[in-house]
N, C-alpha and C. Protein backbone atom coordinates (compact mmCIF):
# COMPACT_ATOMS: atom_id res chain seq x y z
N MET A 1 -20.95 13.11 -6.75
CA MET A 1 -20.47 11.71 -6.32
C MET A 1 -19.99 11.80 -4.95
N VAL A 2 -19.45 12.75 -4.41
CA VAL A 2 -18.88 12.81 -3.07
C VAL A 2 -20.05 12.74 -2.03
N ALA A 3 -21.19 13.50 -2.36
CA ALA A 3 -22.21 13.52 -1.49
C ALA A 3 -23.08 12.14 -1.31
N ARG A 4 -22.88 11.35 -2.38
CA ARG A 4 -23.61 10.05 -2.41
C ARG A 4 -22.67 8.90 -2.02
N MET A 5 -21.45 9.13 -1.70
CA MET A 5 -20.43 8.05 -1.53
C MET A 5 -20.90 7.17 -0.54
N ASP A 6 -21.54 7.65 0.68
CA ASP A 6 -21.94 6.77 1.72
C ASP A 6 -23.05 5.80 1.28
N GLU A 7 -23.70 5.99 0.06
CA GLU A 7 -24.81 5.15 -0.41
C GLU A 7 -24.23 4.07 -1.22
N ALA A 8 -22.92 4.09 -1.62
CA ALA A 8 -22.33 3.16 -2.58
C ALA A 8 -22.19 1.77 -1.95
N SER A 9 -22.31 0.80 -2.75
CA SER A 9 -22.06 -0.60 -2.17
C SER A 9 -20.66 -0.87 -2.16
N PRO A 10 -20.29 -1.98 -1.42
CA PRO A 10 -18.73 -2.28 -1.44
C PRO A 10 -18.28 -2.49 -2.73
N HIS A 11 -18.95 -3.11 -3.53
CA HIS A 11 -18.56 -3.42 -5.00
C HIS A 11 -18.30 -2.13 -5.77
N ALA A 12 -19.27 -1.23 -5.62
CA ALA A 12 -19.15 0.06 -6.30
C ALA A 12 -17.95 0.75 -5.75
N LEU A 13 -17.79 0.77 -4.41
CA LEU A 13 -16.61 1.57 -3.82
C LEU A 13 -15.30 0.92 -4.38
N SER A 14 -15.17 -0.42 -4.36
CA SER A 14 -14.00 -1.06 -4.97
C SER A 14 -13.62 -0.68 -6.32
N ARG A 15 -14.65 -0.73 -7.19
CA ARG A 15 -14.53 -0.43 -8.66
C ARG A 15 -14.09 1.00 -8.81
N CYS A 16 -14.76 1.93 -8.07
CA CYS A 16 -14.44 3.40 -8.16
C CYS A 16 -12.97 3.64 -7.76
N LEU A 17 -12.51 3.07 -6.64
CA LEU A 17 -11.13 3.28 -6.17
C LEU A 17 -10.11 2.73 -7.11
N HIS A 18 -10.48 1.40 -7.69
CA HIS A 18 -9.51 0.73 -8.56
C HIS A 18 -9.37 1.65 -9.77
N ALA A 19 -10.51 2.24 -10.22
CA ALA A 19 -10.37 3.05 -11.43
C ALA A 19 -9.47 4.36 -11.14
N PHE A 20 -9.77 4.95 -9.99
CA PHE A 20 -8.94 6.13 -9.64
C PHE A 20 -7.53 5.77 -9.50
N GLY A 21 -7.26 4.64 -8.83
CA GLY A 21 -5.86 4.20 -8.69
C GLY A 21 -5.14 3.93 -10.07
N ALA A 22 -5.78 3.28 -10.87
CA ALA A 22 -5.30 2.98 -12.24
C ALA A 22 -4.99 4.27 -12.96
N MET A 23 -5.74 5.29 -12.91
CA MET A 23 -5.61 6.50 -13.55
C MET A 23 -4.68 7.55 -12.78
N GLY A 24 -4.40 7.16 -11.57
CA GLY A 24 -3.51 8.05 -10.71
C GLY A 24 -4.36 9.35 -10.44
N HIS A 25 -5.60 9.33 -10.40
CA HIS A 25 -6.33 10.56 -10.29
C HIS A 25 -6.67 10.78 -8.74
N ASP A 26 -6.01 11.69 -8.09
CA ASP A 26 -6.13 11.97 -6.69
C ASP A 26 -7.09 13.09 -6.45
N CYS A 27 -8.21 12.84 -5.80
CA CYS A 27 -9.24 13.87 -5.49
C CYS A 27 -9.36 13.73 -4.02
N PRO A 28 -8.66 14.52 -3.19
CA PRO A 28 -8.82 14.44 -1.62
C PRO A 28 -10.14 14.36 -1.15
N GLU A 29 -11.02 15.15 -1.55
CA GLU A 29 -12.45 15.20 -1.01
C GLU A 29 -13.13 13.85 -1.26
N LEU A 30 -13.02 13.39 -2.42
CA LEU A 30 -13.53 12.06 -2.91
C LEU A 30 -12.98 10.88 -2.01
N LEU A 31 -11.71 10.90 -1.89
CA LEU A 31 -10.95 9.89 -1.24
C LEU A 31 -11.32 9.95 0.30
N THR A 32 -11.55 11.10 0.85
CA THR A 32 -11.87 11.14 2.22
C THR A 32 -13.25 10.65 2.42
N ALA A 33 -14.17 10.87 1.53
CA ALA A 33 -15.58 10.34 1.61
C ALA A 33 -15.52 8.80 1.34
N ALA A 34 -14.57 8.36 0.52
CA ALA A 34 -14.54 6.91 0.27
C ALA A 34 -14.06 6.21 1.47
N GLU A 35 -13.09 6.86 2.16
CA GLU A 35 -12.57 6.17 3.43
C GLU A 35 -13.62 5.94 4.35
N ASP A 36 -14.47 7.01 4.63
CA ASP A 36 -15.54 6.99 5.62
C ASP A 36 -16.55 5.90 5.18
N ALA A 37 -16.83 5.82 4.04
CA ALA A 37 -17.94 4.97 3.54
C ALA A 37 -17.32 3.44 3.66
N ILE A 38 -16.04 3.29 3.30
CA ILE A 38 -15.46 1.98 3.41
C ILE A 38 -15.40 1.39 4.79
N LEU A 39 -14.92 2.24 5.67
CA LEU A 39 -14.92 1.89 7.07
C LEU A 39 -16.21 1.47 7.65
N ALA A 40 -17.23 2.17 7.19
CA ALA A 40 -18.62 1.89 7.65
C ALA A 40 -19.08 0.54 7.14
N GLN A 41 -18.56 -0.02 6.01
CA GLN A 41 -19.02 -1.22 5.48
C GLN A 41 -18.00 -2.25 5.40
N LEU A 42 -16.79 -2.04 5.99
CA LEU A 42 -15.62 -2.92 5.81
C LEU A 42 -16.06 -4.41 6.02
N HIS A 43 -17.01 -4.71 6.98
CA HIS A 43 -17.18 -6.10 7.21
C HIS A 43 -17.99 -6.84 6.04
N ARG A 44 -18.43 -5.90 5.11
CA ARG A 44 -19.30 -6.37 3.90
C ARG A 44 -18.28 -6.69 2.73
N PHE A 45 -17.13 -6.20 2.85
CA PHE A 45 -16.28 -6.33 1.65
C PHE A 45 -15.86 -7.81 1.39
N ASP A 46 -15.77 -8.20 0.13
CA ASP A 46 -15.24 -9.59 -0.12
C ASP A 46 -13.75 -9.43 -0.27
N PRO A 47 -13.05 -10.59 -0.34
CA PRO A 47 -11.63 -10.60 -0.28
C PRO A 47 -11.02 -9.81 -1.43
N ALA A 48 -11.67 -9.91 -2.66
CA ALA A 48 -11.21 -9.23 -3.82
C ALA A 48 -11.27 -7.66 -3.61
N GLY A 49 -12.31 -7.32 -2.90
CA GLY A 49 -12.57 -5.84 -2.68
C GLY A 49 -11.55 -5.22 -1.71
N LEU A 50 -11.20 -6.09 -0.71
CA LEU A 50 -10.18 -5.65 0.28
C LEU A 50 -8.84 -5.34 -0.35
N THR A 51 -8.52 -6.33 -1.29
CA THR A 51 -7.17 -6.14 -1.97
C THR A 51 -7.23 -4.94 -2.91
N SER A 52 -8.34 -4.83 -3.77
CA SER A 52 -8.47 -3.63 -4.55
C SER A 52 -8.41 -2.31 -3.91
N VAL A 53 -9.05 -2.18 -2.80
CA VAL A 53 -9.07 -0.97 -2.01
C VAL A 53 -7.58 -0.65 -1.49
N SER A 54 -6.97 -1.57 -1.03
CA SER A 54 -5.60 -1.36 -0.36
C SER A 54 -4.64 -0.93 -1.30
N CYS A 55 -4.65 -1.55 -2.54
CA CYS A 55 -3.76 -1.27 -3.66
C CYS A 55 -4.17 0.09 -4.20
N ALA A 56 -5.35 0.51 -4.26
CA ALA A 56 -5.78 1.87 -4.90
C ALA A 56 -5.22 2.97 -4.11
N PHE A 57 -5.37 2.84 -2.65
CA PHE A 57 -4.94 3.90 -1.91
C PHE A 57 -3.36 3.96 -1.91
N VAL A 58 -2.62 2.99 -2.05
CA VAL A 58 -1.21 3.00 -2.07
C VAL A 58 -0.84 3.71 -3.37
N LYS A 59 -1.42 3.37 -4.60
CA LYS A 59 -1.17 3.89 -5.90
C LYS A 59 -1.47 5.31 -5.93
N LEU A 60 -2.35 5.82 -5.04
CA LEU A 60 -2.68 7.24 -5.06
C LEU A 60 -1.80 8.03 -3.93
N ASN A 61 -0.89 7.19 -3.40
CA ASN A 61 -0.03 7.87 -2.32
C ASN A 61 -0.84 8.43 -1.11
N ARG A 62 -1.95 7.72 -0.76
CA ARG A 62 -2.72 8.18 0.34
C ARG A 62 -2.63 7.11 1.40
N ARG A 63 -1.96 7.33 2.35
CA ARG A 63 -1.73 6.34 3.47
C ARG A 63 -3.02 5.86 4.21
N ALA A 64 -4.00 6.71 4.43
CA ALA A 64 -5.24 6.33 5.11
C ALA A 64 -5.05 5.43 6.23
N GLU A 65 -4.25 5.77 7.17
CA GLU A 65 -3.73 4.84 8.16
C GLU A 65 -4.86 4.11 9.05
N GLY A 66 -5.82 4.96 9.24
CA GLY A 66 -6.97 4.34 10.14
C GLY A 66 -7.69 3.32 9.24
N LEU A 67 -8.00 3.63 8.09
CA LEU A 67 -8.60 2.61 7.17
C LEU A 67 -7.75 1.41 6.91
N MET A 68 -6.46 1.69 6.63
CA MET A 68 -5.59 0.53 6.21
C MET A 68 -5.35 -0.31 7.50
N ASP A 69 -5.35 0.22 8.67
CA ASP A 69 -5.23 -0.63 9.82
C ASP A 69 -6.40 -1.55 10.01
N SER A 70 -7.49 -0.95 9.88
CA SER A 70 -8.76 -1.76 10.07
C SER A 70 -8.83 -2.80 8.96
N LEU A 71 -8.52 -2.42 7.68
CA LEU A 71 -8.59 -3.29 6.54
C LEU A 71 -7.57 -4.53 6.81
N SER A 72 -6.34 -4.20 7.36
CA SER A 72 -5.31 -5.23 7.53
C SER A 72 -5.95 -6.30 8.49
N HIS A 73 -6.63 -6.00 9.49
CA HIS A 73 -7.24 -6.87 10.41
C HIS A 73 -8.33 -7.81 9.71
N THR A 74 -9.24 -7.04 9.02
CA THR A 74 -10.19 -7.82 8.26
C THR A 74 -9.59 -8.69 7.25
N ALA A 75 -8.56 -8.27 6.46
CA ALA A 75 -7.98 -9.14 5.49
C ALA A 75 -7.34 -10.29 6.17
N ALA A 76 -6.64 -10.07 7.23
CA ALA A 76 -6.01 -11.23 8.09
C ALA A 76 -7.00 -12.34 8.39
N ASP A 77 -8.07 -11.80 8.93
CA ASP A 77 -9.24 -12.85 9.25
C ASP A 77 -9.73 -13.56 8.07
N LYS A 78 -9.66 -12.98 6.94
CA LYS A 78 -10.15 -13.54 5.68
C LYS A 78 -9.12 -14.10 4.72
N ALA A 79 -7.87 -14.20 5.25
CA ALA A 79 -6.77 -14.65 4.41
C ALA A 79 -7.05 -15.95 3.56
N ALA A 80 -7.62 -16.85 4.21
CA ALA A 80 -7.90 -18.19 3.58
C ALA A 80 -8.81 -17.97 2.39
N GLU A 81 -9.59 -16.97 2.25
CA GLU A 81 -10.53 -16.69 1.21
C GLU A 81 -9.93 -15.87 0.06
N ILE A 82 -8.66 -15.23 0.26
CA ILE A 82 -8.19 -14.38 -0.64
C ILE A 82 -7.44 -15.17 -1.82
N PRO A 83 -7.63 -14.84 -3.10
CA PRO A 83 -6.98 -15.55 -4.15
C PRO A 83 -5.50 -15.31 -3.90
N SER A 84 -4.71 -16.12 -4.65
CA SER A 84 -3.17 -16.00 -4.37
C SER A 84 -2.60 -14.83 -4.88
N ASP A 85 -3.11 -14.28 -6.02
CA ASP A 85 -2.54 -13.07 -6.53
C ASP A 85 -2.96 -11.82 -5.56
N GLY A 86 -4.08 -12.00 -4.96
CA GLY A 86 -4.59 -10.89 -3.99
C GLY A 86 -3.60 -10.96 -2.75
N LEU A 87 -3.15 -12.16 -2.24
CA LEU A 87 -2.26 -12.17 -1.14
C LEU A 87 -1.03 -11.31 -1.49
N ALA A 88 -0.45 -11.72 -2.67
CA ALA A 88 0.78 -10.99 -3.07
C ALA A 88 0.60 -9.50 -3.12
N ASN A 89 -0.62 -9.11 -3.72
CA ASN A 89 -0.94 -7.69 -3.82
C ASN A 89 -1.07 -6.94 -2.50
N LEU A 90 -1.71 -7.64 -1.58
CA LEU A 90 -1.92 -7.03 -0.37
C LEU A 90 -0.56 -6.82 0.36
N LEU A 91 0.29 -7.70 0.33
CA LEU A 91 1.65 -7.46 0.99
C LEU A 91 2.42 -6.43 0.13
N TRP A 92 2.31 -6.35 -1.10
CA TRP A 92 2.94 -5.32 -1.83
C TRP A 92 2.45 -4.07 -1.39
N ALA A 93 1.20 -3.89 -1.15
CA ALA A 93 0.56 -2.49 -0.82
C ALA A 93 1.04 -2.19 0.49
N TYR A 94 0.98 -2.92 1.54
CA TYR A 94 1.36 -2.58 2.83
C TYR A 94 2.97 -2.18 2.96
N SER A 95 3.69 -3.14 2.26
CA SER A 95 5.19 -2.78 2.34
C SER A 95 5.54 -1.58 1.56
N THR A 96 4.95 -1.45 0.39
CA THR A 96 5.18 -0.09 -0.37
C THR A 96 4.85 1.13 0.42
N ALA A 97 3.71 1.06 1.13
CA ALA A 97 3.30 2.22 1.95
C ALA A 97 4.01 2.29 3.30
N GLY A 98 4.72 1.32 3.60
CA GLY A 98 5.64 1.46 4.83
C GLY A 98 4.48 1.29 6.07
N LEU A 99 3.47 0.54 5.83
CA LEU A 99 2.49 0.43 6.95
C LEU A 99 2.71 -0.82 7.82
N HIS A 100 2.73 -0.69 9.08
CA HIS A 100 3.06 -1.79 10.02
C HIS A 100 1.88 -2.68 10.23
N ALA A 101 1.82 -3.86 9.80
CA ALA A 101 0.75 -4.75 9.94
C ALA A 101 1.25 -6.20 10.07
N PRO A 102 1.99 -6.52 11.13
CA PRO A 102 2.62 -7.84 11.20
C PRO A 102 1.57 -9.02 11.27
N TRP A 103 0.37 -8.68 11.80
CA TRP A 103 -0.69 -9.72 11.92
C TRP A 103 -1.11 -10.10 10.44
N LEU A 104 -1.11 -9.18 9.49
CA LEU A 104 -1.58 -9.43 8.21
C LEU A 104 -0.47 -10.29 7.45
N PHE A 105 0.73 -9.81 7.59
CA PHE A 105 1.95 -10.61 7.10
C PHE A 105 2.02 -12.02 7.61
N ARG A 106 1.76 -12.30 8.99
CA ARG A 106 1.68 -13.60 9.42
C ARG A 106 0.65 -14.47 8.69
N ALA A 107 -0.52 -13.87 8.61
CA ALA A 107 -1.74 -14.63 8.14
C ALA A 107 -1.45 -14.95 6.60
N VAL A 108 -1.03 -13.97 5.84
CA VAL A 108 -0.74 -14.15 4.38
C VAL A 108 0.41 -15.14 4.17
N GLN A 109 1.45 -15.04 4.99
CA GLN A 109 2.55 -15.96 4.85
C GLN A 109 2.10 -17.35 5.09
N ALA A 110 1.26 -17.51 6.03
CA ALA A 110 0.78 -18.96 6.42
C ALA A 110 0.00 -19.48 5.24
N GLN A 111 -0.63 -18.66 4.53
CA GLN A 111 -1.38 -19.15 3.30
C GLN A 111 -0.45 -19.42 2.15
N VAL A 112 0.48 -18.56 2.01
CA VAL A 112 1.53 -18.80 0.98
C VAL A 112 2.33 -20.09 1.15
N THR A 113 2.63 -20.36 2.47
CA THR A 113 3.35 -21.60 2.83
C THR A 113 2.58 -22.83 2.35
N GLU A 114 1.25 -22.69 2.38
CA GLU A 114 0.38 -23.88 2.18
C GLU A 114 0.15 -23.84 0.60
N ARG A 115 0.10 -22.66 0.02
CA ARG A 115 -0.33 -22.72 -1.37
C ARG A 115 0.84 -22.45 -2.44
N ALA A 116 2.11 -22.45 -1.97
CA ALA A 116 3.23 -22.07 -2.82
C ALA A 116 3.30 -22.85 -4.20
N SER A 117 2.98 -24.18 -4.10
CA SER A 117 3.10 -24.89 -5.29
C SER A 117 2.10 -24.55 -6.37
N SER A 118 1.06 -23.85 -5.96
CA SER A 118 -0.07 -23.53 -6.96
C SER A 118 -0.06 -22.00 -7.23
N MET A 119 0.89 -21.26 -6.70
CA MET A 119 1.03 -19.76 -6.92
C MET A 119 2.01 -19.60 -8.09
N SER A 120 1.77 -18.42 -8.73
CA SER A 120 2.67 -18.13 -9.92
C SER A 120 4.06 -17.69 -9.31
N ALA A 121 5.06 -17.88 -10.11
CA ALA A 121 6.35 -17.63 -9.72
C ALA A 121 6.48 -15.97 -9.41
N ARG A 122 5.80 -15.26 -10.16
CA ARG A 122 5.76 -13.80 -10.04
C ARG A 122 5.18 -13.47 -8.65
N ASP A 123 4.02 -14.10 -8.33
CA ASP A 123 3.33 -13.76 -7.10
C ASP A 123 4.30 -14.11 -5.88
N LEU A 124 4.91 -15.28 -6.04
CA LEU A 124 5.93 -15.75 -4.95
C LEU A 124 7.01 -14.72 -4.73
N ALA A 125 7.46 -14.27 -5.96
CA ALA A 125 8.72 -13.28 -5.90
C ALA A 125 8.16 -11.96 -5.11
N THR A 126 6.89 -11.64 -5.39
CA THR A 126 6.32 -10.36 -4.78
C THR A 126 6.15 -10.63 -3.31
N VAL A 127 5.69 -11.75 -2.89
CA VAL A 127 5.52 -11.97 -1.55
C VAL A 127 6.91 -11.91 -0.84
N ALA A 128 7.97 -12.50 -1.40
CA ALA A 128 9.25 -12.50 -0.84
C ALA A 128 9.88 -11.07 -0.73
N TRP A 129 9.65 -10.26 -1.81
CA TRP A 129 10.20 -8.92 -1.82
C TRP A 129 9.47 -8.15 -0.79
N ALA A 130 8.10 -8.21 -0.79
CA ALA A 130 7.35 -7.35 0.19
C ALA A 130 7.67 -7.74 1.67
N SER A 131 7.77 -9.04 1.87
CA SER A 131 8.04 -9.37 3.30
C SER A 131 9.41 -8.90 3.75
N VAL A 132 10.49 -9.11 2.85
CA VAL A 132 11.76 -8.50 3.25
C VAL A 132 11.81 -7.00 3.49
N ARG A 133 11.11 -6.29 2.63
CA ARG A 133 10.97 -4.83 2.64
C ARG A 133 10.33 -4.41 3.87
N ALA A 134 9.35 -5.16 4.29
CA ALA A 134 8.54 -4.74 5.63
C ALA A 134 9.28 -5.34 6.80
N GLY A 135 10.34 -6.19 6.68
CA GLY A 135 11.07 -6.65 7.77
C GLY A 135 10.19 -7.86 8.44
N GLN A 136 9.35 -8.49 7.64
CA GLN A 136 8.47 -9.42 8.27
C GLN A 136 8.55 -10.81 7.58
N HIS A 137 9.69 -11.19 7.20
CA HIS A 137 9.83 -12.46 6.46
C HIS A 137 9.79 -13.61 7.45
N SER A 138 9.14 -14.60 7.04
CA SER A 138 8.96 -15.93 7.88
C SER A 138 9.70 -17.00 7.18
N PHE A 139 10.50 -17.85 8.12
CA PHE A 139 11.46 -18.84 7.53
C PHE A 139 10.66 -19.95 6.77
N SER A 140 9.59 -20.38 7.39
CA SER A 140 8.82 -21.50 6.69
C SER A 140 8.18 -21.04 5.47
N CYS A 141 7.73 -19.65 5.34
CA CYS A 141 7.24 -19.26 4.12
C CYS A 141 8.36 -19.06 3.08
N PHE A 142 9.47 -18.60 3.41
CA PHE A 142 10.67 -18.32 2.53
C PHE A 142 11.19 -19.66 2.04
N ALA A 143 11.13 -20.72 2.89
CA ALA A 143 11.57 -21.97 2.49
C ALA A 143 10.65 -22.57 1.42
N ALA A 144 9.40 -22.44 1.67
CA ALA A 144 8.44 -22.85 0.61
C ALA A 144 8.52 -22.15 -0.69
N ILE A 145 8.77 -20.82 -0.59
CA ILE A 145 8.90 -20.00 -1.86
C ILE A 145 10.26 -20.43 -2.57
N ALA A 146 11.34 -20.72 -1.84
CA ALA A 146 12.59 -20.97 -2.40
C ALA A 146 12.46 -22.32 -3.18
N VAL A 147 11.83 -23.15 -2.59
CA VAL A 147 11.57 -24.57 -3.38
C VAL A 147 10.97 -24.23 -4.72
N GLN A 148 9.97 -23.50 -4.73
CA GLN A 148 9.19 -23.20 -6.03
C GLN A 148 9.99 -22.36 -7.03
N ILE A 149 10.59 -21.23 -6.44
CA ILE A 149 11.55 -20.41 -7.31
C ILE A 149 12.66 -21.21 -8.03
N GLU A 150 13.24 -22.12 -7.20
CA GLU A 150 14.30 -22.99 -7.67
C GLU A 150 13.79 -23.75 -8.93
N GLN A 151 12.60 -24.20 -8.85
CA GLN A 151 12.07 -25.02 -9.93
C GLN A 151 11.56 -24.09 -11.18
N ARG A 152 11.04 -23.00 -10.75
CA ARG A 152 10.37 -22.23 -11.76
C ARG A 152 10.97 -20.88 -12.06
N ALA A 153 12.23 -20.63 -11.81
CA ALA A 153 12.86 -19.30 -12.00
C ALA A 153 12.66 -18.80 -13.41
N GLY A 154 12.76 -19.70 -14.30
CA GLY A 154 12.65 -19.30 -15.74
C GLY A 154 11.30 -18.64 -16.10
N GLN A 155 10.44 -18.70 -15.26
CA GLN A 155 9.04 -18.00 -15.50
C GLN A 155 9.02 -16.56 -15.02
N LEU A 156 10.12 -16.23 -14.34
CA LEU A 156 10.32 -14.81 -13.78
C LEU A 156 10.75 -13.77 -14.92
N SER A 157 10.20 -12.63 -14.72
CA SER A 157 10.61 -11.52 -15.61
C SER A 157 11.98 -11.07 -15.10
N PRO A 158 12.70 -10.18 -15.79
CA PRO A 158 13.89 -9.69 -15.27
C PRO A 158 13.75 -8.96 -13.97
N ARG A 159 12.77 -8.17 -13.80
CA ARG A 159 12.46 -7.40 -12.53
C ARG A 159 12.21 -8.45 -11.44
N ASP A 160 11.33 -9.51 -11.75
CA ASP A 160 11.09 -10.35 -10.63
C ASP A 160 12.32 -11.30 -10.24
N THR A 161 13.19 -11.57 -11.22
CA THR A 161 14.33 -12.31 -10.99
C THR A 161 15.26 -11.44 -10.02
N ALA A 162 15.42 -10.25 -10.39
CA ALA A 162 16.28 -9.32 -9.50
C ALA A 162 15.72 -9.18 -8.14
N ASN A 163 14.40 -9.02 -7.97
CA ASN A 163 13.77 -8.89 -6.78
C ASN A 163 13.81 -10.13 -5.91
N ALA A 164 13.68 -11.30 -6.58
CA ALA A 164 13.73 -12.58 -5.84
C ALA A 164 15.17 -12.72 -5.34
N ALA A 165 16.17 -12.52 -6.16
CA ALA A 165 17.60 -12.56 -5.75
C ALA A 165 17.90 -11.69 -4.60
N TRP A 166 17.45 -10.48 -4.66
CA TRP A 166 17.69 -9.53 -3.58
C TRP A 166 17.01 -9.99 -2.28
N SER A 167 15.83 -10.46 -2.43
CA SER A 167 14.91 -10.88 -1.31
C SER A 167 15.67 -11.99 -0.47
N PHE A 168 15.98 -13.07 -1.24
CA PHE A 168 16.69 -14.18 -0.67
C PHE A 168 17.99 -13.81 -0.03
N ALA A 169 18.69 -13.03 -0.72
CA ALA A 169 20.06 -12.64 -0.06
C ALA A 169 19.79 -11.75 1.23
N SER A 170 18.82 -10.83 1.15
CA SER A 170 18.50 -10.01 2.33
C SER A 170 18.01 -10.89 3.53
N ALA A 171 17.30 -11.99 3.04
CA ALA A 171 16.77 -12.88 4.26
C ALA A 171 17.90 -13.84 4.73
N GLY A 172 19.10 -13.82 4.08
CA GLY A 172 20.06 -14.70 4.55
C GLY A 172 19.94 -16.12 4.06
N ILE A 173 19.36 -16.26 2.88
CA ILE A 173 19.15 -17.64 2.26
C ILE A 173 20.18 -17.59 1.05
N SER A 174 21.06 -18.49 1.21
CA SER A 174 22.20 -18.60 0.20
C SER A 174 22.31 -20.00 -0.48
N ASP A 175 21.26 -20.69 -0.61
CA ASP A 175 21.21 -21.98 -1.25
C ASP A 175 21.80 -21.94 -2.74
N LYS A 176 22.81 -22.70 -2.95
CA LYS A 176 23.53 -22.77 -4.18
C LYS A 176 22.57 -23.13 -5.34
N ASP A 177 21.69 -24.11 -5.15
CA ASP A 177 20.87 -24.53 -6.24
C ASP A 177 19.93 -23.53 -6.62
N LEU A 178 19.33 -22.80 -5.57
CA LEU A 178 18.43 -21.67 -5.73
C LEU A 178 19.01 -20.55 -6.57
N PHE A 179 20.23 -20.19 -6.18
CA PHE A 179 20.80 -19.11 -6.89
C PHE A 179 21.32 -19.51 -8.35
N GLY A 180 21.70 -20.78 -8.46
CA GLY A 180 21.92 -21.27 -9.64
C GLY A 180 20.78 -21.15 -10.62
N SER A 181 19.65 -21.50 -10.21
CA SER A 181 18.39 -21.27 -11.03
C SER A 181 18.12 -19.81 -11.39
N LEU A 182 18.34 -18.98 -10.36
CA LEU A 182 18.31 -17.47 -10.67
C LEU A 182 19.24 -17.04 -11.66
N GLU A 183 20.40 -17.58 -11.63
CA GLU A 183 21.49 -17.24 -12.60
C GLU A 183 21.05 -17.57 -13.93
N ARG A 184 20.49 -18.84 -14.12
CA ARG A 184 20.06 -19.34 -15.49
C ARG A 184 18.92 -18.44 -15.94
N ALA A 185 18.01 -18.07 -15.06
CA ALA A 185 16.98 -17.15 -15.54
C ALA A 185 17.38 -15.82 -16.02
N ALA A 186 18.40 -15.26 -15.24
CA ALA A 186 19.04 -14.04 -15.66
C ALA A 186 19.71 -14.15 -16.91
N LEU A 187 20.45 -15.26 -17.17
CA LEU A 187 21.16 -15.34 -18.40
C LEU A 187 20.21 -15.43 -19.51
N ALA A 188 19.12 -16.11 -19.40
CA ALA A 188 18.09 -16.16 -20.45
C ALA A 188 17.39 -14.91 -20.85
N ASN A 189 17.45 -13.87 -19.85
CA ASN A 189 16.75 -12.71 -20.14
C ASN A 189 17.72 -11.50 -20.05
N ALA A 190 19.11 -11.84 -20.11
CA ALA A 190 20.04 -10.80 -19.80
C ALA A 190 19.90 -9.59 -20.71
N ALA A 191 19.47 -9.79 -22.01
CA ALA A 191 19.30 -8.67 -22.85
C ALA A 191 18.14 -7.68 -22.47
N HIS A 192 17.29 -8.15 -21.65
CA HIS A 192 16.24 -7.31 -21.11
C HIS A 192 16.30 -6.72 -19.71
N PHE A 193 17.48 -6.97 -19.16
CA PHE A 193 17.72 -6.40 -17.83
C PHE A 193 18.02 -4.98 -17.87
N GLY A 194 17.41 -4.16 -17.05
CA GLY A 194 17.78 -2.67 -16.97
C GLY A 194 18.83 -2.56 -15.97
N SER A 195 19.40 -1.31 -15.79
CA SER A 195 20.57 -1.05 -15.02
C SER A 195 20.23 -1.37 -13.55
N GLN A 196 19.06 -1.01 -13.19
CA GLN A 196 18.69 -1.22 -11.65
C GLN A 196 18.64 -2.71 -11.41
N GLU A 197 18.04 -3.47 -12.24
CA GLU A 197 17.96 -4.98 -12.22
C GLU A 197 19.27 -5.60 -12.13
N VAL A 198 20.19 -5.18 -13.14
CA VAL A 198 21.59 -5.73 -13.07
C VAL A 198 22.21 -5.38 -11.72
N SER A 199 22.09 -4.26 -11.22
CA SER A 199 22.78 -3.81 -9.99
C SER A 199 22.20 -4.67 -8.75
N ASN A 200 20.92 -4.78 -8.68
CA ASN A 200 20.34 -5.62 -7.58
C ASN A 200 20.73 -7.05 -7.72
N THR A 201 20.77 -7.59 -8.90
CA THR A 201 21.12 -9.01 -9.09
C THR A 201 22.68 -9.24 -8.67
N VAL A 202 23.51 -8.42 -9.15
CA VAL A 202 24.93 -8.52 -8.85
C VAL A 202 25.30 -8.33 -7.40
N LEU A 203 24.55 -7.40 -6.75
CA LEU A 203 24.69 -7.17 -5.29
C LEU A 203 24.18 -8.29 -4.50
N ALA A 204 23.11 -8.93 -4.92
CA ALA A 204 22.48 -10.04 -4.21
C ALA A 204 23.39 -11.34 -4.31
N PHE A 205 23.91 -11.60 -5.52
CA PHE A 205 24.85 -12.72 -5.68
C PHE A 205 26.07 -12.48 -4.96
N ALA A 206 26.61 -11.26 -4.87
CA ALA A 206 27.78 -11.03 -4.04
C ALA A 206 27.58 -11.18 -2.58
N ARG A 207 26.40 -10.78 -2.13
CA ARG A 207 26.03 -10.75 -0.80
C ARG A 207 26.08 -12.25 -0.16
N VAL A 208 25.60 -13.21 -1.04
CA VAL A 208 25.56 -14.56 -0.60
C VAL A 208 26.79 -15.39 -0.95
N GLY A 209 27.75 -14.71 -1.70
CA GLY A 209 28.98 -15.36 -2.03
C GLY A 209 28.83 -16.32 -3.17
N TYR A 210 27.80 -16.01 -4.04
CA TYR A 210 27.50 -17.05 -5.19
C TYR A 210 28.29 -16.37 -6.43
N ARG A 211 29.23 -17.14 -6.96
CA ARG A 211 30.03 -16.65 -8.13
C ARG A 211 29.34 -17.01 -9.44
N ALA A 212 28.47 -16.00 -9.87
CA ALA A 212 27.78 -16.17 -11.20
C ALA A 212 28.72 -15.90 -12.38
N THR A 213 29.62 -16.76 -12.55
CA THR A 213 30.72 -16.53 -13.49
C THR A 213 30.21 -16.28 -14.91
N ARG A 214 29.25 -17.19 -15.41
CA ARG A 214 28.73 -16.97 -16.71
C ARG A 214 28.00 -15.73 -16.84
N LEU A 215 27.20 -15.25 -15.77
CA LEU A 215 26.41 -14.13 -15.99
C LEU A 215 27.26 -12.85 -16.12
N PHE A 216 28.28 -12.84 -15.33
CA PHE A 216 29.16 -11.65 -15.25
C PHE A 216 30.37 -11.55 -16.25
N GLN A 217 30.37 -12.53 -17.20
CA GLN A 217 31.48 -12.61 -18.13
C GLN A 217 31.39 -11.29 -19.06
């Protein structure tokens, strides 16, 4: 497989890496060959392929900085073509890996600002979390996300609720109505919150000075 990696199509490379990432199967020799093959064909990858490749390398704990840097520029140029869940996954991958790509964050956040009303609450929470974690949050993007989360906080899982609260608090957004919606979402799912989610939510509410009286009774 390694010897023929340079013959693989972008679609085949994406599927192969997605499978390896899903299984957590790390084969250094194969991944090195895949990096070289992807770099040689990067201009041919479709938006879904770009997202799949970036997430796979991160799940395999392989930074592949040269490839990820080139991929970030290509993805930024094609941001308007990337599906909404792909936008969220891209930012998740780069923030999780600790890779510096402000051009990618700017391009994705511009798309999120335009598409926020049609994106899932989970994807919006992921974008907010990843942006803050990378130190790349945009005021206009967060304002658009906040409007949607306030309206649809009930759609968030416990983890996403905690991440959203942490993200907004970390970004200095303390809107009372927004945190009221997050409190109601947390109350509805309180039985399913883990200790880390409880801790993050409590700290976020405290940080913005929101008194979630009902939640913490």
